[in-house]
Amino acid sequence: MARYKDPVCRLCRREGMKLFLKGDRCYSDKCAVERREYAPGQHGQGRTKVSEYGTQLREKQKIRRIYGLLERQFRKTFHEAERVKGVTGENLIKMLESRLDNVVYRMGFANSRTEARLLVSQQHFTVNGHVVNIASYRVKAGDKVSVRDKSQKVTRIQGALDAVQRRGVPEWISLDAAKFTATMNMIPERSQITLPMNEQLVVELYSK
């Protein structure tokens, strides 16, 4: 499957904010955004006037990059959100938050969503006792995600759990680090997701 293979720190610099795509590096003084607070490329330091379309596009790109989706995957999720009853933008964010790779990251079993996606594909996790290796699997309220017994000694998972106190665990998740198990108590409400996103701009962009 196609995936982004270029340096991810360029994405943070392009969006002008930390997207936390590199785990521990994002919390250190090596963070590219802190060292070079301007967009990458030859014209990165130039002053440009951004149009309404440009603002909407940048917001879509930012949200897509935070959750690590390619354009086709993101657009498919958006169309699913349109068909569900409720506010399309809020539905979109809830669906993105419910992806297994994001839930594994939120639970503290991985240092980044990219790492979580890799660990899921390697079959390190079970959902309600069943092995799931599909990153886009939609986790439901009440589902229990556990690290498989043979995977509990994986260095990446142990390192992520050791560092979970720095990031914290969202209020809608219950983590039992000693047992390598966490439960998604509820699908988070939009007000509980504190990432700096304006999903309404994405709705306006795709409505053109």
C-alpha atoms as a PDB file:
ATOM      1  CA  MET A   1       0.000   0.000   0.000  1.00  0.00           C
ATOM      2  CA  ALA A   2       1.231   3.515  -0.791  1.00  0.00           C
ATOM      3  CA  ARG A   3       2.593   5.534   2.100  1.00  0.00           C
ATOM      4  CA  TYR A   4       4.537   8.728   2.764  1.00  0.00           C
ATOM      5  CA  LYS A   5       8.278   7.991   2.765  1.00  0.00           C
ATOM      6  CA  ASP A   6       9.866  11.453   2.918  1.00  0.00           C
ATOM      7  CA  PRO A   7      11.104  13.171   6.129  1.00  0.00           C
ATOM      8  CA  VAL A   8       8.067  13.805   8.334  1.00  0.00           C
ATOM      9  CA  CYS A   9       9.619  16.821  10.073  1.00  0.00           C
ATOM     10  CA  ARG A  10       9.073  18.715   6.810  1.00  0.00           C
ATOM     11  CA  LEU A  11       5.339  18.186   7.278  1.00  0.00           C
ATOM     12  CA  CYS A  12       5.411  19.830  10.706  1.00  0.00           C
ATOM     13  CA  ARG A  13       7.381  22.779   9.340  1.00  0.00           C
ATOM     14  CA  ARG A  14       4.984  23.133   6.401  1.00  0.00           C
ATOM     15  CA  GLU A  15       2.003  23.332   8.750  1.00  0.00           C
ATOM     16  CA  GLY A  16       3.854  25.629  11.138  1.00  0.00           C
ATOM     17  CA  MET A  17       3.178  23.518  14.217  1.00  0.00           C
ATOM     18  CA  LYS A  18       4.137  20.278  15.908  1.00  0.00           C
ATOM     19  CA  LEU A  19       2.149  17.337  14.558  1.00  0.00           C
ATOM     20  CA  PHE A  20       3.978  14.921  16.908  1.00  0.00           C
ATOM     21  CA  LEU A  21       4.974  12.543  14.117  1.00  0.00           C
ATOM     22  CA  LYS A  22       8.375  11.547  15.558  1.00  0.00           C
ATOM     23  CA  GLY A  23       7.616  10.504  19.127  1.00  0.00           C
ATOM     24  CA  ASP A  24      10.315  11.531  21.624  1.00  0.00           C
ATOM     25  CA  ARG A  25      12.068  13.801  19.125  1.00  0.00           C
ATOM     26  CA  CYS A  26       9.044  16.127  19.123  1.00  0.00           C
ATOM     27  CA  TYR A  27       9.546  16.776  22.858  1.00  0.00           C
ATOM     28  CA  SER A  28      13.281  17.489  22.575  1.00  0.00           C
ATOM     29  CA  ASP A  29      15.327  20.440  21.392  1.00  0.00           C
ATOM     30  CA  LYS A  30      15.958  18.516  18.158  1.00  0.00           C
ATOM     31  CA  CYS A  31      12.404  19.252  17.001  1.00  0.00           C
ATOM     32  CA  ALA A  32      12.583  20.782  13.523  1.00  0.00           C
ATOM     33  CA  VAL A  33       9.756  23.254  14.222  1.00  0.00           C
ATOM     34  CA  GLU A  34      11.643  24.768  17.157  1.00  0.00           C
ATOM     35  CA  ARG A  35      14.923  24.937  15.254  1.00  0.00           C
ATOM     36  CA  ARG A  36      13.488  26.353  12.008  1.00  0.00           C
ATOM     37  CA  GLU A  37      10.137  28.043  12.428  1.00  0.00           C
ATOM     38  CA  TYR A  38       9.410  28.459   8.746  1.00  0.00           C
ATOM     39  CA  ALA A  39       8.207  26.294   5.879  1.00  0.00           C
ATOM     40  CA  PRO A  40      10.740  24.079   4.073  1.00  0.00           C
ATOM     41  CA  GLY A  41      11.989  24.792   0.590  1.00  0.00           C
ATOM     42  CA  GLN A  42      13.530  27.694  -1.288  1.00  0.00           C
ATOM     43  CA  HIS A  43      10.631  30.065  -0.615  1.00  0.00           C
ATOM     44  CA  GLY A  44       9.873  28.881   2.913  1.00  0.00           C
ATOM     45  CA  GLN A  45      10.771  32.201   4.516  1.00  0.00           C
ATOM     46  CA  GLY A  46       8.898  34.311   2.003  1.00  0.00           C
ATOM     47  CA  ARG A  47       5.734  36.192   2.900  1.00  0.00           C
ATOM     48  CA  THR A  48       2.762  34.949   0.934  1.00  0.00           C
ATOM     49  CA  LYS A  49      -0.876  35.946   0.919  1.00  0.00           C
ATOM     50  CA  VAL A  50      -3.091  32.919   1.511  1.00  0.00           C
ATOM     51  CA  SER A  51      -6.455  32.722  -0.237  1.00  0.00           C
ATOM     52  CA  GLU A  52      -9.628  31.278   1.258  1.00  0.00           C
ATOM     53  CA  TYR A  53      -9.062  28.094  -0.706  1.00  0.00           C
ATOM     54  CA  GLY A  54      -5.458  27.967   0.482  1.00  0.00           C
ATOM     55  CA  THR A  55      -6.561  28.231   4.118  1.00  0.00           C
ATOM     56  CA  GLN A  56      -9.041  25.403   3.661  1.00  0.00           C
ATOM     57  CA  LEU A  57      -6.466  23.262   1.877  1.00  0.00           C
ATOM     58  CA  ARG A  58      -3.851  23.776   4.576  1.00  0.00           C
ATOM     59  CA  GLU A  59      -6.338  22.761   7.287  1.00  0.00           C
ATOM     60  CA  LYS A  60      -7.245  19.602   5.389  1.00  0.00           C
ATOM     61  CA  GLN A  61      -3.584  18.750   4.884  1.00  0.00           C
ATOM     62  CA  LYS A  62      -2.842  19.355   8.559  1.00  0.00           C
ATOM     63  CA  ILE A  63      -5.609  17.054   9.809  1.00  0.00           C
ATOM     64  CA  ARG A  64      -4.741  14.401   7.235  1.00  0.00           C
ATOM     65  CA  ARG A  65      -1.096  14.470   8.278  1.00  0.00           C
ATOM     66  CA  ILE A  66      -1.853  14.382  11.997  1.00  0.00           C
ATOM     67  CA  TYR A  67      -3.696  11.095  11.555  1.00  0.00           C
ATOM     68  CA  GLY A  68      -1.300   9.786   8.909  1.00  0.00           C
ATOM     69  CA  LEU A  69      -3.760   9.213   6.060  1.00  0.00           C
ATOM     70  CA  LEU A  70      -3.201   9.519   2.350  1.00  0.00           C
ATOM     71  CA  GLU A  71      -5.608  11.667   0.335  1.00  0.00           C
ATOM     72  CA  ARG A  72      -7.729   8.775  -0.920  1.00  0.00           C
ATOM     73  CA  GLN A  73      -8.129   7.332   2.591  1.00  0.00           C
ATOM     74  CA  PHE A  74      -8.988  10.720   4.049  1.00  0.00           C
ATOM     75  CA  ARG A  75     -11.558  11.525   1.375  1.00  0.00           C
ATOM     76  CA  LYS A  76     -13.195   8.110   1.833  1.00  0.00           C
ATOM     77  CA  THR A  77     -13.504   8.745   5.577  1.00  0.00           C
ATOM     78  CA  PHE A  78     -14.978  12.181   4.899  1.00  0.00           C
ATOM     79  CA  HIS A  79     -17.668  10.731   2.630  1.00  0.00           C
ATOM     80  CA  GLU A  80     -18.510   8.177   5.338  1.00  0.00           C
ATOM     81  CA  ALA A  81     -18.873  11.047   7.811  1.00  0.00           C
ATOM     82  CA  GLU A  82     -21.257  12.794   5.408  1.00  0.00           C
ATOM     83  CA  ARG A  83     -23.574   9.799   5.354  1.00  0.00           C
ATOM     84  CA  VAL A  84     -23.788   9.514   9.152  1.00  0.00           C
ATOM     85  CA  LYS A  85     -26.430  11.487  11.025  1.00  0.00           C
ATOM     86  CA  GLY A  86     -25.007  14.549  12.757  1.00  0.00           C
ATOM     87  CA  VAL A  87     -22.481  17.284  12.018  1.00  0.00           C
ATOM     88  CA  THR A  88     -20.163  16.120   9.232  1.00  0.00           C
ATOM     89  CA  GLY A  89     -17.017  17.745  10.625  1.00  0.00           C
ATOM     90  CA  GLU A  90     -17.505  16.288  14.092  1.00  0.00           C
ATOM     91  CA  ASN A  91     -18.318  12.877  12.612  1.00  0.00           C
ATOM     92  CA  LEU A  92     -15.069  13.031  10.650  1.00  0.00           C
ATOM     93  CA  ILE A  93     -12.928  13.717  13.719  1.00  0.00           C
ATOM     94  CA  LYS A  94     -14.677  10.993  15.723  1.00  0.00           C
ATOM     95  CA  MET A  95     -14.060   8.466  12.953  1.00  0.00           C
ATOM     96  CA  LEU A  96     -10.390   9.421  12.770  1.00  0.00           C
ATOM     97  CA  GLU A  97     -10.052   9.126  16.544  1.00  0.00           C
ATOM     98  CA  SER A  98     -11.692   5.675  16.447  1.00  0.00           C
ATOM     99  CA  ARG A  99      -9.119   4.174  14.061  1.00  0.00           C
ATOM    100  CA  LEU A 100      -7.158   1.376  15.724  1.00  0.00           C
ATOM    101  CA  ASP A 101      -3.782   2.948  14.977  1.00  0.00           C
ATOM    102  CA  ASN A 102      -4.864   6.199  16.629  1.00  0.00           C
ATOM    103  CA  VAL A 103      -6.406   4.371  19.598  1.00  0.00           C
ATOM    104  CA  VAL A 104      -3.200   2.367  20.141  1.00  0.00           C
ATOM    105  CA  TYR A 105      -1.257   5.652  20.132  1.00  0.00           C
ATOM    106  CA  ARG A 106      -3.739   7.335  22.482  1.00  0.00           C
ATOM    107  CA  MET A 107      -3.570   4.366  24.860  1.00  0.00           C
ATOM    108  CA  GLY A 108       0.201   4.777  25.144  1.00  0.00           C
ATOM    109  CA  PHE A 109       1.296   1.587  23.386  1.00  0.00           C
ATOM    110  CA  ALA A 110       3.200   3.553  20.711  1.00  0.00           C
ATOM    111  CA  ASN A 111       5.121   6.825  20.590  1.00  0.00           C
ATOM    112  CA  SER A 112       3.483   8.029  17.379  1.00  0.00           C
ATOM    113  CA  ARG A 113       0.615   7.107  15.088  1.00  0.00           C
ATOM    114  CA  THR A 114       3.103   5.941  12.464  1.00  0.00           C
ATOM    115  CA  GLU A 115       4.690   3.579  14.960  1.00  0.00           C
ATOM    116  CA  ALA A 116       1.238   2.432  16.088  1.00  0.00           C
ATOM    117  CA  ARG A 117       0.276   1.635  12.488  1.00  0.00           C
ATOM    118  CA  LEU A 118       3.431  -0.478  12.103  1.00  0.00           C
ATOM    119  CA  LEU A 119       2.820  -2.362  15.359  1.00  0.00           C
ATOM    120  CA  VAL A 120      -0.794  -3.053  14.410  1.00  0.00           C
ATOM    121  CA  SER A 121       0.235  -4.423  11.008  1.00  0.00           C
ATOM    122  CA  GLN A 122       2.702  -6.734  12.780  1.00  0.00           C
ATOM    123  CA  GLN A 123      -0.179  -8.257  14.772  1.00  0.00           C
ATOM    124  CA  HIS A 124       0.943  -7.161  18.232  1.00  0.00           C
ATOM    125  CA  PHE A 125      -2.582  -6.276  19.437  1.00  0.00           C
ATOM    126  CA  THR A 126      -5.941  -7.884  20.073  1.00  0.00           C
ATOM    127  CA  VAL A 127      -9.350  -6.224  20.228  1.00  0.00           C
ATOM    128  CA  ASN A 128     -11.706  -8.036  22.592  1.00  0.00           C
ATOM    129  CA  GLY A 129      -9.421 -11.072  22.429  1.00  0.00           C
ATOM    130  CA  HIS A 130      -9.168 -11.234  18.630  1.00  0.00           C
ATOM    131  CA  VAL A 131      -5.997 -10.323  16.727  1.00  0.00           C
ATOM    132  CA  VAL A 132      -6.539  -7.299  14.452  1.00  0.00           C
ATOM    133  CA  ASN A 133      -3.882  -6.127  12.009  1.00  0.00           C
ATOM    134  CA  ILE A 134      -5.886  -3.497  10.126  1.00  0.00           C
ATOM    135  CA  ALA A 135      -4.903   0.054  11.126  1.00  0.00           C
ATOM    136  CA  SER A 136      -8.220   1.517   9.934  1.00  0.00           C
ATOM    137  CA  TYR A 137     -10.289  -0.885  12.058  1.00  0.00           C
ATOM    138  CA  ARG A 138     -12.938   1.159  13.865  1.00  0.00           C
ATOM    139  CA  VAL A 139     -12.764   0.693  17.652  1.00  0.00           C
ATOM    140  CA  LYS A 140     -16.113   0.983  19.432  1.00  0.00           C
ATOM    141  CA  ALA A 141     -17.040   2.177  22.908  1.00  0.00           C
ATOM    142  CA  GLY A 142     -16.345  -0.561  25.429  1.00  0.00           C
ATOM    143  CA  ASP A 143     -13.772  -2.379  23.276  1.00  0.00           C
ATOM    144  CA  LYS A 144     -10.684  -3.680  25.067  1.00  0.00           C
ATOM    145  CA  VAL A 145      -7.326  -3.421  23.294  1.00  0.00           C
ATOM    146  CA  SER A 146      -4.522  -5.593  24.639  1.00  0.00           C
ATOM    147  CA  VAL A 147      -0.912  -6.325  23.778  1.00  0.00           C
ATOM    148  CA  ARG A 148      -0.484  -9.988  22.912  1.00  0.00           C
ATOM    149  CA  ASP A 149       1.437 -12.028  25.491  1.00  0.00           C
ATOM    150  CA  LYS A 150       4.340 -12.684  23.127  1.00  0.00           C
ATOM    151  CA  SER A 151       4.530  -8.972  22.252  1.00  0.00           C
ATOM    152  CA  GLN A 152       4.777  -7.572  25.773  1.00  0.00           C
ATOM    153  CA  LYS A 153       8.571  -7.613  25.627  1.00  0.00           C
ATOM    154  CA  VAL A 154       8.745  -5.610  22.403  1.00  0.00           C
ATOM    155  CA  THR A 155      11.099  -2.698  23.079  1.00  0.00           C
ATOM    156  CA  ARG A 156       8.969  -0.113  21.250  1.00  0.00           C
ATOM    157  CA  ILE A 157       5.866  -0.960  23.264  1.00  0.00           C
ATOM    158  CA  GLN A 158       7.698  -0.984  26.584  1.00  0.00           C
ATOM    159  CA  GLY A 159       9.400   2.313  25.761  1.00  0.00           C
ATOM    160  CA  ALA A 160       6.093   3.923  24.848  1.00  0.00           C
ATOM    161  CA  LEU A 161       4.478   2.794  28.107  1.00  0.00           C
ATOM    162  CA  ASP A 162       7.437   4.136  30.094  1.00  0.00           C
ATOM    163  CA  ALA A 163       6.933   7.550  28.448  1.00  0.00           C
ATOM    164  CA  VAL A 164       3.132   7.627  28.630  1.00  0.00           C
ATOM    165  CA  GLN A 165       3.150   9.937  31.652  1.00  0.00           C
ATOM    166  CA  ARG A 166       4.622  12.717  29.510  1.00  0.00           C
ATOM    167  CA  ARG A 167       1.798  12.601  26.975  1.00  0.00           C
ATOM    168  CA  GLY A 168      -0.959  11.466  29.298  1.00  0.00           C
ATOM    169  CA  VAL A 169      -3.940   9.262  28.510  1.00  0.00           C
ATOM    170  CA  PRO A 170      -7.235  10.851  27.390  1.00  0.00           C
ATOM    171  CA  GLU A 171     -10.160  10.744  29.791  1.00  0.00           C
ATOM    172  CA  TRP A 172     -12.155   8.449  27.513  1.00  0.00           C
ATOM    173  CA  ILE A 173      -9.528   5.695  27.836  1.00  0.00           C
ATOM    174  CA  SER A 174      -8.738   3.480  30.845  1.00  0.00           C
ATOM    175  CA  LEU A 175      -5.164   2.144  30.795  1.00  0.00           C
ATOM    176  CA  ASP A 176      -3.821  -0.753  32.882  1.00  0.00           C
ATOM    177  CA  ALA A 177      -0.143  -0.561  31.975  1.00  0.00           C
ATOM    178  CA  ALA A 178       0.797  -3.468  34.251  1.00  0.00           C
ATOM    179  CA  LYS A 179      -1.494  -5.785  32.284  1.00  0.00           C
ATOM    180  CA  PHE A 180      -0.768  -4.189  28.871  1.00  0.00           C
ATOM    181  CA  THR A 181      -4.492  -3.573  28.447  1.00  0.00           C
ATOM    182  CA  ALA A 182      -6.645  -0.506  27.837  1.00  0.00           C
ATOM    183  CA  THR A 183     -10.359   0.072  27.301  1.00  0.00           C
ATOM    184  CA  MET A 184     -11.986   2.709  25.146  1.00  0.00           C
ATOM    185  CA  ASN A 185     -14.762   3.809  27.480  1.00  0.00           C
ATOM    186  CA  MET A 186     -16.536   5.986  24.930  1.00  0.00           C
ATOM    187  CA  ILE A 187     -16.206   7.626  21.542  1.00  0.00           C
ATOM    188  CA  PRO A 188     -14.831  11.058  22.446  1.00  0.00           C
ATOM    189  CA  GLU A 189     -16.944  14.137  21.965  1.00  0.00           C
ATOM    190  CA  ARG A 190     -15.481  16.881  19.789  1.00  0.00           C
ATOM    191  CA  SER A 191     -14.952  19.088  22.847  1.00  0.00           C
ATOM    192  CA  GLN A 192     -12.709  16.400  24.366  1.00  0.00           C
ATOM    193  CA  ILE A 193     -10.304  16.399  21.417  1.00  0.00           C
ATOM    194  CA  THR A 194      -7.955  19.287  22.058  1.00  0.00           C
ATOM    195  CA  LEU A 195      -5.866  19.141  18.877  1.00  0.00           C
ATOM    196  CA  PRO A 196      -5.813  22.544  17.103  1.00  0.00           C
ATOM    197  CA  MET A 197      -8.089  21.647  14.192  1.00  0.00           C
ATOM    198  CA  ASN A 198     -10.898  23.422  12.372  1.00  0.00           C
ATOM    199  CA  GLU A 199     -12.729  20.606  10.617  1.00  0.00           C
ATOM    200  CA  GLN A 200     -15.370  23.002   9.260  1.00  0.00           C
ATOM    201  CA  LEU A 201     -12.788  24.285   6.788  1.00  0.00           C
ATOM    202  CA  VAL A 202     -12.431  20.728   5.466  1.00  0.00           C
ATOM    203  CA  VAL A 203     -16.203  20.486   5.015  1.00  0.00           C
ATOM    204  CA  GLU A 204     -16.162  23.776   3.071  1.00  0.00           C
ATOM    205  CA  LEU A 205     -13.272  22.576   0.922  1.00  0.00           C
ATOM    206  CA  TYR A 206     -14.918  19.320  -0.100  1.00  0.00           C
ATOM    207  CA  SER A 207     -18.229  21.104  -0.684  1.00  0.00           C
ATOM    208  CA  LYS A 208     -16.834  23.195  -3.527  1.00  0.00           C
END
